[in-house]
């Protein structure tokens, strides 16, 4: 039987509109861009595909052109830990590329996605020659540090509504994820994967946040109405549970149909 091509084997040259969605290209000088743009590749990731895996040596610096990825690992007891959701415009793993280390986390596609990769050697050439690129990477590292500190705090939160609010706020970070825009295209099941709650509980939290005027549930996604309030939501003002919410409320708050059960996949753009 024919074997499925890996994500690396499915790589291709980016289309012009895909290049236009890469946020760091505009900071390069013309000669820098002309030198490196031919090295950029994209891959069409299927749900469940691994973009990078724990223990694999870094070969690319990755970014999300379309779709949604999840960065995760497991703790000592085998419990899953989600570090971040990665929506369009997000580039990740710059610290690993800088140190040329093996990955200490998995990054997996939650839906069909287009993932871009810049070879590690090209990344290092830009670090050595481009002031604009260095400033971009420094900004990424600074924002990423704040994101992971916040993620640590979120993991300790017992209030599900607050967990959903903080995770949504992190996905609308304009520095890390400039491609999101005003509406985040995400399903309740995808958000449940990122937050670590059931889809039903995420549904209830979205309804509670919408009732407070912080978000608006729209067909196919979420619109943030007050990002600052979402980031600074007071847990003392939130109820602990919504045990009596009716099924009709869940139907009204639905975004898109749930994802099919994720399949296991060994595909990886990092696998040569």
C-alpha atoms as a PDB file:
ATOM      1  CA  UNK A   1       0.000   0.000   0.000  1.00  0.00           C
ATOM      2  CA  UNK A   2       1.307   3.520  -0.776  1.00  0.00           C
ATOM      3  CA  UNK A   3       2.441   5.458   2.272  1.00  0.00           C
ATOM      4  CA  UNK A   4       1.138   8.929   2.988  1.00  0.00           C
ATOM      5  CA  UNK A   5       3.552  11.714   2.128  1.00  0.00           C
ATOM      6  CA  UNK A   6       4.949  13.533   5.131  1.00  0.00           C
ATOM      7  CA  UNK A   7       4.364  17.232   5.577  1.00  0.00           C
ATOM      8  CA  UNK A   8       7.996  17.783   4.642  1.00  0.00           C
ATOM      9  CA  UNK A   9       7.513  15.840   1.407  1.00  0.00           C
ATOM     10  CA  UNK A  10       4.421  17.918   0.642  1.00  0.00           C
ATOM     11  CA  UNK A  11       6.318  21.206   0.924  1.00  0.00           C
ATOM     12  CA  UNK A  12       6.036  23.668  -1.945  1.00  0.00           C
ATOM     13  CA  UNK A  13       6.892  27.236  -2.898  1.00  0.00           C
ATOM     14  CA  UNK A  14       4.534  29.809  -1.375  1.00  0.00           C
ATOM     15  CA  UNK A  15       1.966  31.626  -3.472  1.00  0.00           C
ATOM     16  CA  UNK A  16       2.179  35.457  -3.583  1.00  0.00           C
ATOM     17  CA  UNK A  17      -0.766  35.849  -1.188  1.00  0.00           C
ATOM     18  CA  UNK A  18       0.915  33.448   1.247  1.00  0.00           C
ATOM     19  CA  UNK A  19       4.134  35.472   1.178  1.00  0.00           C
ATOM     20  CA  UNK A  20       2.065  38.603   1.791  1.00  0.00           C
ATOM     21  CA  UNK A  21       0.849  37.091   5.066  1.00  0.00           C
ATOM     22  CA  UNK A  22       4.355  36.666   6.534  1.00  0.00           C
ATOM     23  CA  UNK A  23       4.703  39.541   9.037  1.00  0.00           C
ATOM     24  CA  UNK A  24       8.503  39.788   9.179  1.00  0.00           C
ATOM     25  CA  UNK A  25       9.190  40.046   5.433  1.00  0.00           C
ATOM     26  CA  UNK A  26       8.368  43.794   5.316  1.00  0.00           C
ATOM     27  CA  UNK A  27      11.073  44.569   7.922  1.00  0.00           C
ATOM     28  CA  UNK A  28      13.819  43.246   5.633  1.00  0.00           C
ATOM     29  CA  UNK A  29      15.778  45.405   3.234  1.00  0.00           C
ATOM     30  CA  UNK A  30      15.168  44.652  -0.434  1.00  0.00           C
ATOM     31  CA  UNK A  31      18.489  42.871  -0.906  1.00  0.00           C
ATOM     32  CA  UNK A  32      17.895  40.751   2.216  1.00  0.00           C
ATOM     33  CA  UNK A  33      14.454  39.772   1.049  1.00  0.00           C
ATOM     34  CA  UNK A  34      15.675  38.890  -2.440  1.00  0.00           C
ATOM     35  CA  UNK A  35      18.393  36.706  -0.947  1.00  0.00           C
ATOM     36  CA  UNK A  36      16.174  34.622   1.346  1.00  0.00           C
ATOM     37  CA  UNK A  37      12.656  34.578  -0.080  1.00  0.00           C
ATOM     38  CA  UNK A  38      13.424  31.589  -2.299  1.00  0.00           C
ATOM     39  CA  UNK A  39      14.274  29.554   0.816  1.00  0.00           C
ATOM     40  CA  UNK A  40      10.772  29.876   2.289  1.00  0.00           C
ATOM     41  CA  UNK A  41       8.593  26.802   1.862  1.00  0.00           C
ATOM     42  CA  UNK A  42       5.007  26.083   2.852  1.00  0.00           C
ATOM     43  CA  UNK A  43       3.234  22.839   3.653  1.00  0.00           C
ATOM     44  CA  UNK A  44      -0.462  21.996   3.690  1.00  0.00           C
ATOM     45  CA  UNK A  45      -1.027  20.378   7.087  1.00  0.00           C
ATOM     46  CA  UNK A  46      -3.982  18.093   7.729  1.00  0.00           C
ATOM     47  CA  UNK A  47      -5.730  17.822  11.121  1.00  0.00           C
ATOM     48  CA  UNK A  48      -3.458  15.819  13.395  1.00  0.00           C
ATOM     49  CA  UNK A  49      -0.248  16.444  11.438  1.00  0.00           C
ATOM     50  CA  UNK A  50       2.802  17.239  13.549  1.00  0.00           C
ATOM     51  CA  UNK A  51       4.737  20.290  12.473  1.00  0.00           C
ATOM     52  CA  UNK A  52       7.432  19.535  15.043  1.00  0.00           C
ATOM     53  CA  UNK A  53       7.840  16.880  17.711  1.00  0.00           C
ATOM     54  CA  UNK A  54       9.621  16.528  21.031  1.00  0.00           C
ATOM     55  CA  UNK A  55      13.177  15.274  20.561  1.00  0.00           C
ATOM     56  CA  UNK A  56      13.479  16.213  16.868  1.00  0.00           C
ATOM     57  CA  UNK A  57      16.323  18.559  15.990  1.00  0.00           C
ATOM     58  CA  UNK A  58      15.267  21.920  14.641  1.00  0.00           C
ATOM     59  CA  UNK A  59      15.494  22.411  10.876  1.00  0.00           C
ATOM     60  CA  UNK A  60      13.028  25.265  10.259  1.00  0.00           C
ATOM     61  CA  UNK A  61      11.582  28.338  11.895  1.00  0.00           C
ATOM     62  CA  UNK A  62       7.828  27.938  11.494  1.00  0.00           C
ATOM     63  CA  UNK A  63       4.854  30.222  11.027  1.00  0.00           C
ATOM     64  CA  UNK A  64       1.117  29.831  10.500  1.00  0.00           C
ATOM     65  CA  UNK A  65      -0.209  31.241   7.235  1.00  0.00           C
ATOM     66  CA  UNK A  66      -3.719  29.789   7.591  1.00  0.00           C
ATOM     67  CA  UNK A  67      -5.415  27.556  10.130  1.00  0.00           C
ATOM     68  CA  UNK A  68      -4.737  26.786  13.772  1.00  0.00           C
ATOM     69  CA  UNK A  69      -1.966  24.862  15.558  1.00  0.00           C
ATOM     70  CA  UNK A  70      -1.474  23.764  19.161  1.00  0.00           C
ATOM     71  CA  UNK A  71       1.830  23.829  21.070  1.00  0.00           C
ATOM     72  CA  UNK A  72       1.837  21.231  23.852  1.00  0.00           C
ATOM     73  CA  UNK A  73       3.776  18.683  25.890  1.00  0.00           C
ATOM     74  CA  UNK A  74       3.161  16.345  28.819  1.00  0.00           C
ATOM     75  CA  UNK A  75       4.075  16.636  32.475  1.00  0.00           C
ATOM     76  CA  UNK A  76       5.920  13.992  34.499  1.00  0.00           C
ATOM     77  CA  UNK A  77       2.684  12.075  35.068  1.00  0.00           C
ATOM     78  CA  UNK A  78       1.729  12.057  31.402  1.00  0.00           C
ATOM     79  CA  UNK A  79      -0.938  14.749  31.666  1.00  0.00           C
ATOM     80  CA  UNK A  80      -1.188  17.013  28.599  1.00  0.00           C
ATOM     81  CA  UNK A  81       0.025  20.601  28.934  1.00  0.00           C
ATOM     82  CA  UNK A  82      -1.022  23.145  26.324  1.00  0.00           C
ATOM     83  CA  UNK A  83       1.399  26.067  26.071  1.00  0.00           C
ATOM     84  CA  UNK A  84      -0.271  28.078  23.331  1.00  0.00           C
ATOM     85  CA  UNK A  85      -2.665  28.120  20.446  1.00  0.00           C
ATOM     86  CA  UNK A  86      -1.052  29.370  17.236  1.00  0.00           C
ATOM     87  CA  UNK A  87      -3.425  31.235  14.889  1.00  0.00           C
ATOM     88  CA  UNK A  88      -2.597  32.910  11.540  1.00  0.00           C
ATOM     89  CA  UNK A  89       0.387  35.247  11.536  1.00  0.00           C
ATOM     90  CA  UNK A  90       2.073  33.483  14.439  1.00  0.00           C
ATOM     91  CA  UNK A  91       5.729  32.424  14.101  1.00  0.00           C
ATOM     92  CA  UNK A  92       7.140  30.222  16.822  1.00  0.00           C
ATOM     93  CA  UNK A  93      10.216  28.347  18.001  1.00  0.00           C
ATOM     94  CA  UNK A  94      12.713  31.161  17.500  1.00  0.00           C
ATOM     95  CA  UNK A  95      14.437  30.316  20.797  1.00  0.00           C
ATOM     96  CA  UNK A  96      14.891  26.700  19.727  1.00  0.00           C
ATOM     97  CA  UNK A  97      16.232  27.790  16.332  1.00  0.00           C
ATOM     98  CA  UNK A  98      18.651  30.273  17.887  1.00  0.00           C
ATOM     99  CA  UNK A  99      20.116  27.567  20.120  1.00  0.00           C
ATOM    100  CA  UNK A 100      19.818  24.839  17.457  1.00  0.00           C
ATOM    101  CA  UNK A 101      18.332  22.553  20.072  1.00  0.00           C
ATOM    102  CA  UNK A 102      15.890  19.680  19.840  1.00  0.00           C
ATOM    103  CA  UNK A 103      12.227  20.524  20.331  1.00  0.00           C
ATOM    104  CA  UNK A 104      10.895  20.332  23.875  1.00  0.00           C
ATOM    105  CA  UNK A 105       7.268  20.551  22.734  1.00  0.00           C
ATOM    106  CA  UNK A 106       4.953  19.244  20.041  1.00  0.00           C
ATOM    107  CA  UNK A 107       3.172  21.464  17.549  1.00  0.00           C
ATOM    108  CA  UNK A 108       0.180  19.873  15.883  1.00  0.00           C
ATOM    109  CA  UNK A 109      -2.477  21.066  13.423  1.00  0.00           C
ATOM    110  CA  UNK A 110      -5.989  21.251  14.859  1.00  0.00           C
ATOM    111  CA  UNK A 111      -7.488  21.808  11.413  1.00  0.00           C
ATOM    112  CA  UNK A 112      -6.348  22.053   7.811  1.00  0.00           C
ATOM    113  CA  UNK A 113      -3.603  24.644   7.921  1.00  0.00           C
ATOM    114  CA  UNK A 114      -0.897  26.202   5.783  1.00  0.00           C
ATOM    115  CA  UNK A 115       2.431  26.254   7.613  1.00  0.00           C
ATOM    116  CA  UNK A 116       5.472  28.200   6.397  1.00  0.00           C
ATOM    117  CA  UNK A 117       9.057  27.244   7.159  1.00  0.00           C
ATOM    118  CA  UNK A 118      12.295  29.207   6.948  1.00  0.00           C
ATOM    119  CA  UNK A 119      15.397  26.961   7.074  1.00  0.00           C
ATOM    120  CA  UNK A 120      17.413  27.305  10.267  1.00  0.00           C
ATOM    121  CA  UNK A 121      20.560  28.282   8.364  1.00  0.00           C
ATOM    122  CA  UNK A 122      18.685  31.094   6.596  1.00  0.00           C
ATOM    123  CA  UNK A 123      17.265  32.226   9.941  1.00  0.00           C
ATOM    124  CA  UNK A 124      20.789  32.508  11.349  1.00  0.00           C
ATOM    125  CA  UNK A 125      22.000  34.392   8.272  1.00  0.00           C
ATOM    126  CA  UNK A 126      19.258  36.968   8.845  1.00  0.00           C
ATOM    127  CA  UNK A 127      20.163  37.249  12.533  1.00  0.00           C
ATOM    128  CA  UNK A 128      23.750  38.001  11.526  1.00  0.00           C
ATOM    129  CA  UNK A 129      22.965  40.473   8.724  1.00  0.00           C
ATOM    130  CA  UNK A 130      19.548  42.109   9.257  1.00  0.00           C
ATOM    131  CA  UNK A 131      18.902  44.733  11.947  1.00  0.00           C
ATOM    132  CA  UNK A 132      15.174  44.752  11.152  1.00  0.00           C
ATOM    133  CA  UNK A 133      14.953  40.995  11.517  1.00  0.00           C
ATOM    134  CA  UNK A 134      16.808  41.108  14.835  1.00  0.00           C
ATOM    135  CA  UNK A 135      14.340  43.642  16.184  1.00  0.00           C
ATOM    136  CA  UNK A 136      11.444  41.464  15.065  1.00  0.00           C
ATOM    137  CA  UNK A 137      12.876  38.366  16.748  1.00  0.00           C
ATOM    138  CA  UNK A 138      13.592  40.296  19.969  1.00  0.00           C
ATOM    139  CA  UNK A 139       9.991  41.474  20.008  1.00  0.00           C
ATOM    140  CA  UNK A 140       8.818  37.898  19.515  1.00  0.00           C
ATOM    141  CA  UNK A 141      10.963  36.602  22.376  1.00  0.00           C
ATOM    142  CA  UNK A 142       9.768  39.334  24.718  1.00  0.00           C
ATOM    143  CA  UNK A 143       6.092  38.719  23.941  1.00  0.00           C
ATOM    144  CA  UNK A 144       6.572  34.945  24.133  1.00  0.00           C
ATOM    145  CA  UNK A 145       8.044  35.230  27.621  1.00  0.00           C
ATOM    146  CA  UNK A 146       5.008  37.168  28.778  1.00  0.00           C
ATOM    147  CA  UNK A 147       2.717  34.654  27.078  1.00  0.00           C
ATOM    148  CA  UNK A 148       4.254  31.661  28.838  1.00  0.00           C
ATOM    149  CA  UNK A 149       4.204  33.389  32.220  1.00  0.00           C
ATOM    150  CA  UNK A 150       0.499  34.049  31.660  1.00  0.00           C
ATOM    151  CA  UNK A 151      -0.028  30.437  30.550  1.00  0.00           C
ATOM    152  CA  UNK A 152       1.477  29.248  33.838  1.00  0.00           C
ATOM    153  CA  UNK A 153      -1.003  31.431  35.690  1.00  0.00           C
ATOM    154  CA  UNK A 154      -3.906  30.143  33.565  1.00  0.00           C
ATOM    155  CA  UNK A 155      -3.025  26.532  34.410  1.00  0.00           C
ATOM    156  CA  UNK A 156      -3.613  27.322  38.083  1.00  0.00           C
ATOM    157  CA  UNK A 157      -7.030  28.929  37.565  1.00  0.00           C
ATOM    158  CA  UNK A 158     -10.013  26.983  38.871  1.00  0.00           C
ATOM    159  CA  UNK A 159     -12.670  29.146  37.246  1.00  0.00           C
ATOM    160  CA  UNK A 160     -13.454  27.813  33.737  1.00  0.00           C
ATOM    161  CA  UNK A 161     -14.864  31.141  32.530  1.00  0.00           C
ATOM    162  CA  UNK A 162     -11.628  32.855  33.497  1.00  0.00           C
ATOM    163  CA  UNK A 163      -9.545  30.174  31.765  1.00  0.00           C
ATOM    164  CA  UNK A 164     -11.503  30.673  28.548  1.00  0.00           C
ATOM    165  CA  UNK A 165     -11.254  34.470  28.816  1.00  0.00           C
ATOM    166  CA  UNK A 166      -7.481  34.453  29.319  1.00  0.00           C
ATOM    167  CA  UNK A 167      -6.900  31.952  26.508  1.00  0.00           C
ATOM    168  CA  UNK A 168      -9.012  33.990  24.109  1.00  0.00           C
ATOM    169  CA  UNK A 169      -7.116  37.143  25.038  1.00  0.00           C
ATOM    170  CA  UNK A 170      -3.784  35.423  24.327  1.00  0.00           C
ATOM    171  CA  UNK A 171      -4.975  34.409  20.847  1.00  0.00           C
ATOM    172  CA  UNK A 172      -5.620  38.069  20.026  1.00  0.00           C
ATOM    173  CA  UNK A 173      -2.062  39.195  20.800  1.00  0.00           C
ATOM    174  CA  UNK A 174      -1.387  41.679  17.949  1.00  0.00           C
ATOM    175  CA  UNK A 175       2.406  41.216  18.161  1.00  0.00           C
ATOM    176  CA  UNK A 176       2.539  37.417  18.128  1.00  0.00           C
ATOM    177  CA  UNK A 177      -0.510  36.860  15.920  1.00  0.00           C
ATOM    178  CA  UNK A 178      -0.968  39.819  13.575  1.00  0.00           C
ATOM    179  CA  UNK A 179      -2.954  37.719  11.095  1.00  0.00           C
ATOM    180  CA  UNK A 180      -5.947  37.133  13.365  1.00  0.00           C
ATOM    181  CA  UNK A 181      -7.647  40.465  12.712  1.00  0.00           C
ATOM    182  CA  UNK A 182     -10.958  41.305  14.404  1.00  0.00           C
ATOM    183  CA  UNK A 183     -12.484  37.823  14.232  1.00  0.00           C
ATOM    184  CA  UNK A 184     -10.847  34.619  15.416  1.00  0.00           C
ATOM    185  CA  UNK A 185     -11.915  31.688  13.240  1.00  0.00           C
ATOM    186  CA  UNK A 186     -12.192  28.871  15.763  1.00  0.00           C
ATOM    187  CA  UNK A 187     -14.647  26.136  16.711  1.00  0.00           C
ATOM    188  CA  UNK A 188     -15.743  25.316  20.221  1.00  0.00           C
ATOM    189  CA  UNK A 189     -13.967  21.969  20.000  1.00  0.00           C
ATOM    190  CA  UNK A 190     -10.709  23.620  18.934  1.00  0.00           C
ATOM    191  CA  UNK A 191     -10.990  26.071  21.818  1.00  0.00           C
ATOM    192  CA  UNK A 192     -11.699  23.161  24.169  1.00  0.00           C
ATOM    193  CA  UNK A 193      -8.466  21.473  23.015  1.00  0.00           C
ATOM    194  CA  UNK A 194      -6.512  24.640  23.790  1.00  0.00           C
ATOM    195  CA  UNK A 195      -8.140  25.434  27.138  1.00  0.00           C
ATOM    196  CA  UNK A 196      -8.273  21.865  28.460  1.00  0.00           C
ATOM    197  CA  UNK A 197     -12.024  21.851  29.122  1.00  0.00           C
ATOM    198  CA  UNK A 198     -14.965  20.009  27.631  1.00  0.00           C
ATOM    199  CA  UNK A 199     -16.715  21.538  24.629  1.00  0.00           C
ATOM    200  CA  UNK A 200     -19.889  21.908  26.684  1.00  0.00           C
ATOM    201  CA  UNK A 201     -18.068  23.816  29.409  1.00  0.00           C
ATOM    202  CA  UNK A 202     -16.377  26.074  26.856  1.00  0.00           C
ATOM    203  CA  UNK A 203     -19.821  26.715  25.372  1.00  0.00           C
ATOM    204  CA  UNK A 204     -21.127  27.855  28.749  1.00  0.00           C
ATOM    205  CA  UNK A 205     -18.115  30.098  29.322  1.00  0.00           C
ATOM    206  CA  UNK A 206     -18.554  31.752  25.929  1.00  0.00           C
ATOM    207  CA  UNK A 207     -22.194  32.457  26.716  1.00  0.00           C
ATOM    208  CA  UNK A 208     -21.196  34.010  30.051  1.00  0.00           C
ATOM    209  CA  UNK A 209     -18.529  36.209  28.434  1.00  0.00           C
ATOM    210  CA  UNK A 210     -20.927  37.254  25.698  1.00  0.00           C
ATOM    211  CA  UNK A 211     -23.540  38.196  28.302  1.00  0.00           C
ATOM    212  CA  UNK A 212     -20.962  40.499  29.893  1.00  0.00           C
ATOM    213  CA  UNK A 213     -20.391  42.228  26.543  1.00  0.00           C
ATOM    214  CA  UNK A 214     -16.775  41.087  26.219  1.00  0.00           C
ATOM    215  CA  UNK A 215     -17.149  38.942  23.092  1.00  0.00           C
ATOM    216  CA  UNK A 216     -19.681  38.317  20.354  1.00  0.00           C
ATOM    217  CA  UNK A 217     -20.222  34.847  18.976  1.00  0.00           C
ATOM    218  CA  UNK A 218     -20.553  34.998  15.192  1.00  0.00           C
ATOM    219  CA  UNK A 219     -20.929  32.365  12.540  1.00  0.00           C
ATOM    220  CA  UNK A 220     -17.553  30.708  12.157  1.00  0.00           C
ATOM    221  CA  UNK A 221     -15.746  32.527  14.930  1.00  0.00           C
ATOM    222  CA  UNK A 222     -15.507  35.011  17.767  1.00  0.00           C
ATOM    223  CA  UNK A 223     -15.247  38.794  17.817  1.00  0.00           C
ATOM    224  CA  UNK A 224     -13.557  40.404  20.810  1.00  0.00           C
ATOM    225  CA  UNK A 225     -15.430  43.531  21.903  1.00  0.00           C
ATOM    226  CA  UNK A 226     -13.213  44.516  24.843  1.00  0.00           C
ATOM    227  CA  UNK A 227      -9.776  42.932  24.796  1.00  0.00           C
ATOM    228  CA  UNK A 228      -8.448  44.807  27.819  1.00  0.00           C
ATOM    229  CA  UNK A 229     -11.441  43.776  29.932  1.00  0.00           C
ATOM    230  CA  UNK A 230     -10.977  40.191  28.806  1.00  0.00           C
ATOM    231  CA  UNK A 231      -7.333  40.284  29.941  1.00  0.00           C
ATOM    232  CA  UNK A 232      -8.123  41.834  33.324  1.00  0.00           C
ATOM    233  CA  UNK A 233     -11.374  40.046  34.151  1.00  0.00           C
ATOM    234  CA  UNK A 234     -11.900  39.842  37.924  1.00  0.00           C
ATOM    235  CA  UNK A 235     -12.426  36.224  39.004  1.00  0.00           C
ATOM    236  CA  UNK A 236     -14.473  37.408  42.008  1.00  0.00           C
ATOM    237  CA  UNK A 237     -17.226  38.589  39.664  1.00  0.00           C
ATOM    238  CA  UNK A 238     -17.562  35.262  37.839  1.00  0.00           C
ATOM    239  CA  UNK A 239     -19.816  32.412  38.950  1.00  0.00           C
ATOM    240  CA  UNK A 240     -18.097  29.091  39.547  1.00  0.00           C
ATOM    241  CA  UNK A 241     -20.503  26.978  37.510  1.00  0.00           C
ATOM    242  CA  UNK A 242     -23.455  27.266  35.132  1.00  0.00           C
ATOM    243  CA  UNK A 243     -25.247  24.070  36.074  1.00  0.00           C
ATOM    244  CA  UNK A 244     -28.699  25.159  34.939  1.00  0.00           C
ATOM    245  CA  UNK A 245     -27.915  26.517  31.486  1.00  0.00           C
ATOM    246  CA  UNK A 246     -30.390  25.102  28.984  1.00  0.00           C
ATOM    247  CA  UNK A 247     -29.537  23.172  25.849  1.00  0.00           C
ATOM    248  CA  UNK A 248     -31.022  25.971  23.752  1.00  0.00           C
ATOM    249  CA  UNK A 249     -28.331  28.290  25.103  1.00  0.00           C
ATOM    250  CA  UNK A 250     -25.683  25.835  23.924  1.00  0.00           C
ATOM    251  CA  UNK A 251     -27.207  25.687  20.470  1.00  0.00           C
ATOM    252  CA  UNK A 252     -27.330  29.462  20.222  1.00  0.00           C
ATOM    253  CA  UNK A 253     -23.686  29.832  21.188  1.00  0.00           C
ATOM    254  CA  UNK A 254     -22.411  27.222  18.731  1.00  0.00           C
ATOM    255  CA  UNK A 255     -19.707  28.412  16.351  1.00  0.00           C
ATOM    256  CA  UNK A 256     -18.960  25.717  13.790  1.00  0.00           C
ATOM    257  CA  UNK A 257     -19.460  21.938  13.762  1.00  0.00           C
ATOM    258  CA  UNK A 258     -17.014  20.095  15.972  1.00  0.00           C
ATOM    259  CA  UNK A 259     -13.834  18.706  14.488  1.00  0.00           C
ATOM    260  CA  UNK A 260     -13.759  14.992  13.725  1.00  0.00           C
ATOM    261  CA  UNK A 261     -11.766  12.858  16.108  1.00  0.00           C
ATOM    262  CA  UNK A 262      -8.085  13.615  15.566  1.00  0.00           C
ATOM    263  CA  UNK A 263      -6.181  10.863  13.822  1.00  0.00           C
ATOM    264  CA  UNK A 264      -2.663   9.880  14.699  1.00  0.00           C
ATOM    265  CA  UNK A 265      -0.144  11.123  12.172  1.00  0.00           C
ATOM    266  CA  UNK A 266       3.611  10.958  11.828  1.00  0.00           C
ATOM    267  CA  UNK A 267       3.762  13.691   9.239  1.00  0.00           C
ATOM    268  CA  UNK A 268       6.288  16.398   9.973  1.00  0.00           C
ATOM    269  CA  UNK A 269       7.759  19.226   7.985  1.00  0.00           C
ATOM    270  CA  UNK A 270      10.924  18.783   9.989  1.00  0.00           C
ATOM    271  CA  UNK A 271      11.461  15.222   8.786  1.00  0.00           C
ATOM    272  CA  UNK A 272      13.839  15.210   5.858  1.00  0.00           C
END
